[in-house]
N, C-alpha and C. Protein backbone atom coordinates (compact mmCIF):
# COMPACT_ATOMS: atom_id res chain seq x y z
N MET A 1 1.16 -17.49 -38.55
CA MET A 1 2.53 -17.05 -38.45
C MET A 1 2.71 -16.07 -37.28
N ALA A 2 1.78 -15.13 -37.13
CA ALA A 2 1.86 -14.17 -36.04
C ALA A 2 1.72 -14.86 -34.70
N SER A 3 0.85 -15.90 -34.62
CA SER A 3 0.69 -16.61 -33.36
C SER A 3 1.94 -17.42 -33.02
N THR A 4 2.66 -17.93 -34.01
CA THR A 4 3.91 -18.66 -33.77
C THR A 4 4.97 -17.71 -33.23
N ARG A 5 5.08 -16.53 -33.83
CA ARG A 5 6.05 -15.54 -33.34
C ARG A 5 5.72 -15.12 -31.91
N MET A 6 4.44 -14.95 -31.63
CA MET A 6 4.01 -14.55 -30.29
C MET A 6 4.34 -15.65 -29.28
N ALA A 7 4.17 -16.90 -29.67
CA ALA A 7 4.47 -18.02 -28.79
C ALA A 7 5.97 -18.10 -28.51
N ILE A 8 6.78 -17.90 -29.55
CA ILE A 8 8.23 -17.92 -29.38
C ILE A 8 8.67 -16.76 -28.48
N LEU A 9 8.13 -15.57 -28.71
CA LEU A 9 8.47 -14.42 -27.89
C LEU A 9 8.09 -14.66 -26.43
N SER A 10 6.94 -15.23 -26.19
CA SER A 10 6.50 -15.54 -24.83
C SER A 10 7.44 -16.55 -24.17
N LEU A 11 7.89 -17.55 -24.93
CA LEU A 11 8.81 -18.55 -24.41
C LEU A 11 10.15 -17.91 -24.05
N VAL A 12 10.66 -17.03 -24.91
CA VAL A 12 11.93 -16.34 -24.63
C VAL A 12 11.81 -15.51 -23.36
N ILE A 13 10.75 -14.77 -23.21
CA ILE A 13 10.53 -13.95 -22.01
C ILE A 13 10.47 -14.84 -20.78
N LEU A 14 9.79 -15.96 -20.86
CA LEU A 14 9.69 -16.89 -19.74
C LEU A 14 11.05 -17.45 -19.36
N VAL A 15 11.84 -17.86 -20.34
CA VAL A 15 13.17 -18.41 -20.07
C VAL A 15 14.05 -17.38 -19.38
N PHE A 16 14.07 -16.14 -19.86
CA PHE A 16 14.89 -15.12 -19.23
C PHE A 16 14.41 -14.79 -17.83
N SER A 17 13.11 -14.82 -17.58
CA SER A 17 12.61 -14.51 -16.24
C SER A 17 12.94 -15.62 -15.26
N ILE A 18 13.07 -16.85 -15.72
CA ILE A 18 13.42 -17.97 -14.85
C ILE A 18 14.92 -17.97 -14.57
N GLN A 19 15.76 -17.70 -15.57
CA GLN A 19 17.20 -17.77 -15.42
C GLN A 19 17.80 -16.56 -14.72
N GLY A 20 17.08 -15.52 -14.52
CA GLY A 20 17.65 -14.33 -13.90
C GLY A 20 17.93 -13.28 -14.95
N THR A 21 18.51 -12.20 -14.52
CA THR A 21 18.76 -11.09 -15.40
C THR A 21 19.95 -11.39 -16.30
N PRO A 22 19.74 -11.40 -17.62
CA PRO A 22 20.87 -11.65 -18.51
C PRO A 22 21.76 -10.41 -18.59
N THR A 23 23.00 -10.60 -18.88
CA THR A 23 23.92 -9.49 -19.08
C THR A 23 24.26 -9.42 -20.56
N ILE A 24 25.05 -8.44 -20.92
CA ILE A 24 25.44 -8.29 -22.31
C ILE A 24 26.14 -9.57 -22.79
N ALA A 25 26.94 -10.16 -21.91
CA ALA A 25 27.66 -11.38 -22.27
C ALA A 25 26.75 -12.60 -22.22
N GLY A 26 25.48 -12.41 -21.80
CA GLY A 26 24.55 -13.52 -21.73
C GLY A 26 24.68 -14.35 -20.47
N GLU A 27 25.43 -13.84 -19.47
CA GLU A 27 25.62 -14.58 -18.24
C GLU A 27 24.91 -13.87 -17.09
N ALA A 28 24.49 -14.66 -16.12
CA ALA A 28 23.84 -14.09 -14.94
C ALA A 28 24.89 -13.46 -14.03
N ARG A 29 24.45 -12.62 -13.13
CA ARG A 29 25.32 -11.97 -12.15
C ARG A 29 25.59 -12.92 -10.99
N VAL A 30 26.77 -12.81 -10.41
CA VAL A 30 27.17 -13.59 -9.25
C VAL A 30 27.20 -12.62 -8.06
N PRO A 31 26.25 -12.73 -7.12
CA PRO A 31 26.22 -11.81 -5.99
C PRO A 31 27.34 -12.12 -4.99
N LEU A 32 27.84 -11.06 -4.33
CA LEU A 32 28.84 -11.23 -3.29
C LEU A 32 28.76 -10.07 -2.30
N ARG A 33 29.35 -10.29 -1.13
CA ARG A 33 29.46 -9.25 -0.11
C ARG A 33 30.92 -8.85 -0.01
N LEU A 34 31.17 -7.58 0.30
CA LEU A 34 32.53 -7.09 0.46
C LEU A 34 32.59 -6.24 1.73
N SER A 35 33.59 -6.51 2.57
CA SER A 35 33.81 -5.71 3.78
C SER A 35 35.18 -5.08 3.72
N VAL A 36 35.27 -3.85 4.19
CA VAL A 36 36.54 -3.12 4.26
C VAL A 36 36.84 -2.95 5.74
N ILE A 37 37.99 -3.52 6.18
CA ILE A 37 38.38 -3.47 7.59
C ILE A 37 39.76 -2.83 7.68
N ASP A 38 39.85 -1.76 8.47
CA ASP A 38 41.11 -1.06 8.67
C ASP A 38 41.59 -1.34 10.09
N THR A 39 42.46 -2.34 10.25
CA THR A 39 42.95 -2.70 11.58
C THR A 39 44.07 -1.77 12.06
N VAL A 40 44.64 -0.98 11.15
CA VAL A 40 45.73 -0.07 11.51
C VAL A 40 45.19 1.21 12.14
N ASN A 41 44.20 1.82 11.50
CA ASN A 41 43.66 3.11 11.95
C ASN A 41 42.40 2.98 12.79
N GLY A 42 41.87 1.76 12.92
CA GLY A 42 40.69 1.53 13.75
C GLY A 42 39.40 2.13 13.22
N LYS A 43 39.31 2.30 11.91
CA LYS A 43 38.08 2.85 11.33
C LYS A 43 36.97 1.80 11.36
N PRO A 44 35.70 2.22 11.41
CA PRO A 44 34.60 1.24 11.42
C PRO A 44 34.58 0.41 10.14
N THR A 45 34.17 -0.83 10.26
CA THR A 45 34.05 -1.72 9.10
C THR A 45 32.97 -1.20 8.18
N GLN A 46 33.24 -1.24 6.88
CA GLN A 46 32.27 -0.84 5.87
C GLN A 46 31.85 -2.09 5.11
N ASN A 47 30.55 -2.25 4.90
CA ASN A 47 30.02 -3.43 4.21
C ASN A 47 29.27 -3.03 2.96
N TYR A 48 29.46 -3.80 1.90
CA TYR A 48 28.82 -3.54 0.62
C TYR A 48 28.29 -4.84 0.04
N SER A 49 27.24 -4.74 -0.76
CA SER A 49 26.74 -5.87 -1.55
C SER A 49 26.86 -5.48 -3.01
N THR A 50 27.29 -6.43 -3.83
CA THR A 50 27.45 -6.16 -5.26
C THR A 50 27.40 -7.48 -6.01
N SER A 51 27.83 -7.43 -7.25
CA SER A 51 27.87 -8.65 -8.06
C SER A 51 28.94 -8.51 -9.12
N VAL A 52 29.27 -9.64 -9.71
CA VAL A 52 30.15 -9.67 -10.88
C VAL A 52 29.45 -10.52 -11.93
N VAL A 53 29.83 -10.34 -13.16
CA VAL A 53 29.34 -11.19 -14.23
C VAL A 53 29.90 -12.59 -13.97
N GLY A 54 29.16 -13.63 -14.33
CA GLY A 54 29.68 -14.99 -14.18
C GLY A 54 31.07 -15.08 -14.77
N SER A 55 32.01 -15.63 -14.02
CA SER A 55 33.43 -15.72 -14.38
C SER A 55 34.12 -14.36 -14.40
N GLY A 56 33.46 -13.34 -13.86
CA GLY A 56 34.06 -12.01 -13.77
C GLY A 56 35.03 -11.94 -12.60
N VAL A 57 35.93 -10.96 -12.61
CA VAL A 57 36.95 -10.84 -11.59
C VAL A 57 36.56 -9.82 -10.52
N LEU A 58 37.28 -9.91 -9.40
CA LEU A 58 37.00 -9.05 -8.25
C LEU A 58 37.10 -7.57 -8.60
N LEU A 59 37.98 -7.21 -9.50
CA LEU A 59 38.12 -5.81 -9.92
C LEU A 59 36.78 -5.25 -10.40
N GLY A 60 36.01 -6.05 -11.13
CA GLY A 60 34.68 -5.61 -11.59
C GLY A 60 33.75 -5.30 -10.43
N ALA A 61 33.83 -6.10 -9.36
CA ALA A 61 33.00 -5.85 -8.18
C ALA A 61 33.38 -4.52 -7.54
N LEU A 62 34.68 -4.23 -7.47
CA LEU A 62 35.12 -2.96 -6.87
C LEU A 62 34.62 -1.78 -7.70
N TRP A 63 34.67 -1.90 -9.03
CA TRP A 63 34.14 -0.82 -9.88
C TRP A 63 32.64 -0.64 -9.66
N ARG A 64 31.90 -1.73 -9.53
CA ARG A 64 30.45 -1.63 -9.32
C ARG A 64 30.13 -0.97 -7.98
N ILE A 65 30.92 -1.29 -6.95
CA ILE A 65 30.70 -0.66 -5.65
C ILE A 65 30.96 0.83 -5.76
N ASN A 66 32.03 1.21 -6.45
CA ASN A 66 32.34 2.63 -6.64
C ASN A 66 31.23 3.36 -7.39
N GLU A 67 30.64 2.71 -8.38
CA GLU A 67 29.54 3.34 -9.13
C GLU A 67 28.33 3.56 -8.23
N ALA A 68 28.04 2.60 -7.35
CA ALA A 68 26.87 2.70 -6.47
C ALA A 68 27.15 3.55 -5.23
N HIS A 69 28.40 3.60 -4.79
CA HIS A 69 28.80 4.34 -3.58
C HIS A 69 30.05 5.15 -3.90
N PRO A 70 29.89 6.36 -4.45
CA PRO A 70 31.05 7.15 -4.89
C PRO A 70 32.09 7.43 -3.79
N LYS A 71 31.69 7.32 -2.51
CA LYS A 71 32.67 7.52 -1.43
C LYS A 71 33.61 6.32 -1.29
N PHE A 72 33.23 5.19 -1.89
CA PHE A 72 34.12 4.03 -1.93
C PHE A 72 35.08 4.24 -3.09
N THR A 73 36.36 4.36 -2.78
CA THR A 73 37.36 4.56 -3.81
C THR A 73 38.48 3.54 -3.64
N PHE A 74 39.18 3.30 -4.70
CA PHE A 74 40.34 2.41 -4.63
C PHE A 74 41.30 2.76 -5.75
N THR A 75 42.56 2.45 -5.52
CA THR A 75 43.56 2.62 -6.56
C THR A 75 44.34 1.32 -6.69
N THR A 76 44.92 1.15 -7.86
CA THR A 76 45.71 -0.05 -8.13
C THR A 76 47.05 0.37 -8.70
N THR A 77 47.97 -0.55 -8.69
CA THR A 77 49.26 -0.36 -9.33
C THR A 77 49.63 -1.66 -10.03
N VAL A 78 50.46 -1.57 -11.03
CA VAL A 78 50.85 -2.75 -11.78
C VAL A 78 52.32 -3.06 -11.50
N ASP A 79 52.57 -4.28 -11.11
CA ASP A 79 53.93 -4.77 -10.94
C ASP A 79 54.27 -5.57 -12.20
N LYS A 80 55.44 -5.34 -12.78
CA LYS A 80 55.81 -6.01 -14.02
C LYS A 80 55.88 -7.53 -13.87
N ASN A 81 56.15 -8.00 -12.67
CA ASN A 81 56.27 -9.44 -12.46
C ASN A 81 54.99 -10.09 -11.97
N PHE A 82 54.22 -9.36 -11.14
CA PHE A 82 53.08 -9.99 -10.48
C PHE A 82 51.72 -9.43 -10.90
N GLY A 83 51.68 -8.39 -11.69
CA GLY A 83 50.41 -7.88 -12.19
C GLY A 83 49.79 -6.81 -11.31
N LEU A 84 48.47 -6.79 -11.29
CA LEU A 84 47.68 -5.74 -10.64
C LEU A 84 47.62 -5.91 -9.13
N PHE A 85 47.95 -4.85 -8.39
CA PHE A 85 47.88 -4.86 -6.93
C PHE A 85 46.90 -3.80 -6.45
N LEU A 86 46.19 -4.11 -5.37
CA LEU A 86 45.32 -3.15 -4.70
C LEU A 86 46.22 -2.24 -3.88
N GLU A 87 46.27 -0.97 -4.22
CA GLU A 87 47.18 -0.02 -3.59
C GLU A 87 46.53 0.73 -2.43
N SER A 88 45.29 1.22 -2.65
CA SER A 88 44.61 1.96 -1.59
C SER A 88 43.10 1.71 -1.66
N VAL A 89 42.45 1.87 -0.52
CA VAL A 89 40.99 1.79 -0.43
C VAL A 89 40.52 2.96 0.42
N ASN A 90 39.57 3.71 -0.11
CA ASN A 90 39.01 4.87 0.58
C ASN A 90 40.09 5.83 1.07
N GLY A 91 41.10 6.04 0.23
CA GLY A 91 42.16 7.00 0.54
C GLY A 91 43.25 6.49 1.46
N VAL A 92 43.16 5.26 1.90
CA VAL A 92 44.17 4.68 2.79
C VAL A 92 45.02 3.72 1.97
N GLY A 93 46.32 4.03 1.89
CA GLY A 93 47.21 3.21 1.08
C GLY A 93 48.31 2.57 1.90
N GLY A 94 48.67 1.38 1.50
CA GLY A 94 49.76 0.69 2.15
C GLY A 94 51.10 1.25 1.69
N ASN A 95 52.12 1.08 2.54
CA ASN A 95 53.45 1.51 2.14
C ASN A 95 54.51 0.74 2.91
N SER A 96 55.69 0.66 2.33
CA SER A 96 56.76 -0.11 2.94
C SER A 96 57.36 0.59 4.16
N LYS A 97 57.27 1.91 4.23
CA LYS A 97 57.78 2.65 5.39
C LYS A 97 57.05 2.23 6.66
N ASP A 98 55.74 2.11 6.58
CA ASP A 98 54.94 1.72 7.76
C ASP A 98 54.66 0.23 7.81
N ASN A 99 55.15 -0.51 6.82
CA ASN A 99 54.89 -1.96 6.73
C ASN A 99 53.40 -2.26 6.74
N THR A 100 52.66 -1.57 5.87
CA THR A 100 51.21 -1.78 5.77
C THR A 100 50.82 -2.17 4.36
N PHE A 101 49.71 -2.90 4.25
CA PHE A 101 49.20 -3.31 2.95
C PHE A 101 47.73 -3.71 3.07
N TRP A 102 47.08 -3.85 1.92
CA TRP A 102 45.70 -4.32 1.86
C TRP A 102 45.72 -5.81 1.57
N GLU A 103 45.23 -6.58 2.52
CA GLU A 103 45.14 -8.03 2.38
C GLU A 103 43.76 -8.38 1.82
N ILE A 104 43.70 -9.30 0.88
CA ILE A 104 42.43 -9.73 0.30
C ILE A 104 42.12 -11.12 0.84
N LEU A 105 40.97 -11.22 1.52
CA LEU A 105 40.57 -12.47 2.15
C LEU A 105 39.23 -12.93 1.62
N SER A 106 38.96 -14.22 1.75
CA SER A 106 37.68 -14.79 1.37
C SER A 106 37.13 -15.56 2.56
N GLU A 107 35.87 -15.32 2.85
CA GLU A 107 35.22 -16.07 3.93
C GLU A 107 34.26 -17.08 3.31
N LYS A 108 34.58 -18.34 3.56
CA LYS A 108 33.73 -19.44 3.11
C LYS A 108 33.55 -20.36 4.30
N SER A 109 32.34 -20.76 4.57
CA SER A 109 32.04 -21.67 5.68
C SER A 109 32.57 -21.13 7.01
N GLY A 110 32.52 -19.81 7.18
CA GLY A 110 32.93 -19.19 8.43
C GLY A 110 34.43 -19.06 8.63
N GLU A 111 35.23 -19.48 7.66
CA GLU A 111 36.68 -19.41 7.78
C GLU A 111 37.22 -18.36 6.82
N LEU A 112 38.06 -17.48 7.35
CA LEU A 112 38.65 -16.40 6.58
C LEU A 112 40.05 -16.82 6.12
N LYS A 113 40.26 -16.82 4.78
CA LYS A 113 41.55 -17.23 4.23
C LYS A 113 42.00 -16.24 3.16
N PRO A 114 43.33 -16.01 3.07
CA PRO A 114 43.83 -15.15 1.99
C PRO A 114 43.53 -15.78 0.63
N VAL A 115 43.20 -14.93 -0.34
CA VAL A 115 42.97 -15.44 -1.69
C VAL A 115 44.33 -15.68 -2.35
N ASP A 116 44.35 -16.53 -3.34
CA ASP A 116 45.61 -16.90 -3.98
C ASP A 116 45.91 -16.10 -5.25
N LYS A 117 45.09 -15.07 -5.51
CA LYS A 117 45.27 -14.23 -6.71
C LYS A 117 44.95 -12.80 -6.34
N GLY A 118 45.29 -11.89 -7.23
CA GLY A 118 44.99 -10.48 -7.02
C GLY A 118 43.61 -10.11 -7.56
N ILE A 119 43.24 -8.83 -7.42
CA ILE A 119 41.90 -8.39 -7.81
C ILE A 119 41.64 -8.50 -9.30
N GLY A 120 42.70 -8.51 -10.10
CA GLY A 120 42.55 -8.61 -11.55
C GLY A 120 42.38 -10.03 -12.06
N CYS A 121 42.62 -11.02 -11.18
CA CYS A 121 42.54 -12.43 -11.59
C CYS A 121 41.56 -13.25 -10.74
N TYR A 122 41.28 -12.78 -9.53
CA TYR A 122 40.46 -13.58 -8.62
C TYR A 122 38.99 -13.58 -9.06
N ILE A 123 38.40 -14.76 -9.21
CA ILE A 123 37.00 -14.90 -9.64
C ILE A 123 36.16 -15.29 -8.42
N PRO A 124 35.33 -14.36 -7.91
CA PRO A 124 34.50 -14.67 -6.74
C PRO A 124 33.43 -15.71 -7.05
N GLU A 125 33.08 -16.46 -6.02
CA GLU A 125 32.00 -17.44 -6.13
C GLU A 125 30.70 -16.81 -5.65
N GLU A 126 29.59 -17.44 -6.01
CA GLU A 126 28.28 -16.92 -5.64
C GLU A 126 28.16 -16.80 -4.12
N ASN A 127 27.69 -15.63 -3.66
CA ASN A 127 27.46 -15.30 -2.25
C ASN A 127 28.72 -15.36 -1.39
N GLU A 128 29.87 -15.24 -2.01
CA GLU A 128 31.13 -15.22 -1.27
C GLU A 128 31.26 -13.90 -0.51
N HIS A 129 31.94 -13.94 0.62
CA HIS A 129 32.23 -12.75 1.40
C HIS A 129 33.71 -12.43 1.23
N ILE A 130 33.99 -11.31 0.57
CA ILE A 130 35.35 -10.85 0.35
C ILE A 130 35.66 -9.79 1.41
N VAL A 131 36.84 -9.88 2.02
CA VAL A 131 37.26 -8.91 3.02
C VAL A 131 38.56 -8.26 2.54
N LEU A 132 38.55 -6.93 2.48
CA LEU A 132 39.75 -6.15 2.23
C LEU A 132 40.20 -5.64 3.59
N ARG A 133 41.34 -6.13 4.08
CA ARG A 133 41.79 -5.79 5.44
C ARG A 133 43.13 -5.07 5.37
N PHE A 134 43.15 -3.85 5.91
CA PHE A 134 44.37 -3.06 5.97
C PHE A 134 45.11 -3.44 7.24
N LYS A 135 46.36 -3.85 7.08
CA LYS A 135 47.09 -4.33 8.25
C LYS A 135 48.58 -4.13 8.10
N HIS A 136 49.28 -4.35 9.21
CA HIS A 136 50.74 -4.33 9.23
C HIS A 136 51.27 -5.69 8.80
N TYR A 137 52.45 -5.70 8.23
CA TYR A 137 53.13 -6.96 7.94
C TYR A 137 54.51 -6.93 8.58
N ASN A 138 55.03 -8.09 8.82
CA ASN A 138 56.39 -8.20 9.34
C ASN A 138 57.35 -8.21 8.17
N PRO A 139 58.27 -7.25 8.14
CA PRO A 139 59.20 -7.22 7.00
C PRO A 139 60.11 -8.44 7.04
N PRO A 140 60.50 -8.89 5.87
CA PRO A 140 61.42 -10.04 5.84
C PRO A 140 62.76 -9.66 6.46
N ASN A 141 63.38 -10.63 7.07
CA ASN A 141 64.71 -10.37 7.65
C ASN A 141 65.66 -10.01 6.53
N GLN A 142 66.35 -8.94 6.72
CA GLN A 142 67.28 -8.51 5.71
C GLN A 142 68.66 -9.10 6.02
N VAL A 143 69.22 -9.76 5.06
CA VAL A 143 70.52 -10.37 5.22
C VAL A 143 71.58 -9.34 4.87
N VAL A 144 72.49 -9.14 5.77
CA VAL A 144 73.57 -8.19 5.54
C VAL A 144 74.81 -8.99 5.18
N LYS A 145 75.35 -8.75 4.01
CA LYS A 145 76.56 -9.45 3.57
C LYS A 145 77.78 -8.72 4.10
N LYS A 146 78.67 -9.47 4.68
CA LYS A 146 79.89 -8.90 5.19
C LYS A 146 81.01 -9.16 4.21
N GLU A 147 81.83 -8.17 4.04
CA GLU A 147 83.01 -8.31 3.18
C GLU A 147 84.03 -9.16 3.93
N LEU A 148 84.59 -10.15 3.29
CA LEU A 148 85.62 -10.98 3.91
C LEU A 148 86.99 -10.63 3.41
């Protein structure tokens, strides 16, 4: 009986060592890279490596980077219609007065494209490169209604 338990324990240890580090949820980590680029203020690009739990969202990666690098900070805001927005990174926040915002991009196969979801919903893929880019935007043309 003791030898059977020992064999089962050895098999469990072998399986976990082959599959990678298990998490509390029983899923492996998904590694990714994250770069912070400030095109408005010309600050140097900052690069980080982190991970999320399988099927985890980008917000989790930002929290992990903050835990490992306390100088990396970010704030979010919630819009009632659209959900969680990235408001600031490392003390730099977008605003409508200056027409600035944090754009979230994904680099796959050498091509940089905006993601189609926010940090609270976007699920990074393994070894994906996420870019947070601070930039100006062109305000929408404002239509002025004339009284007739």
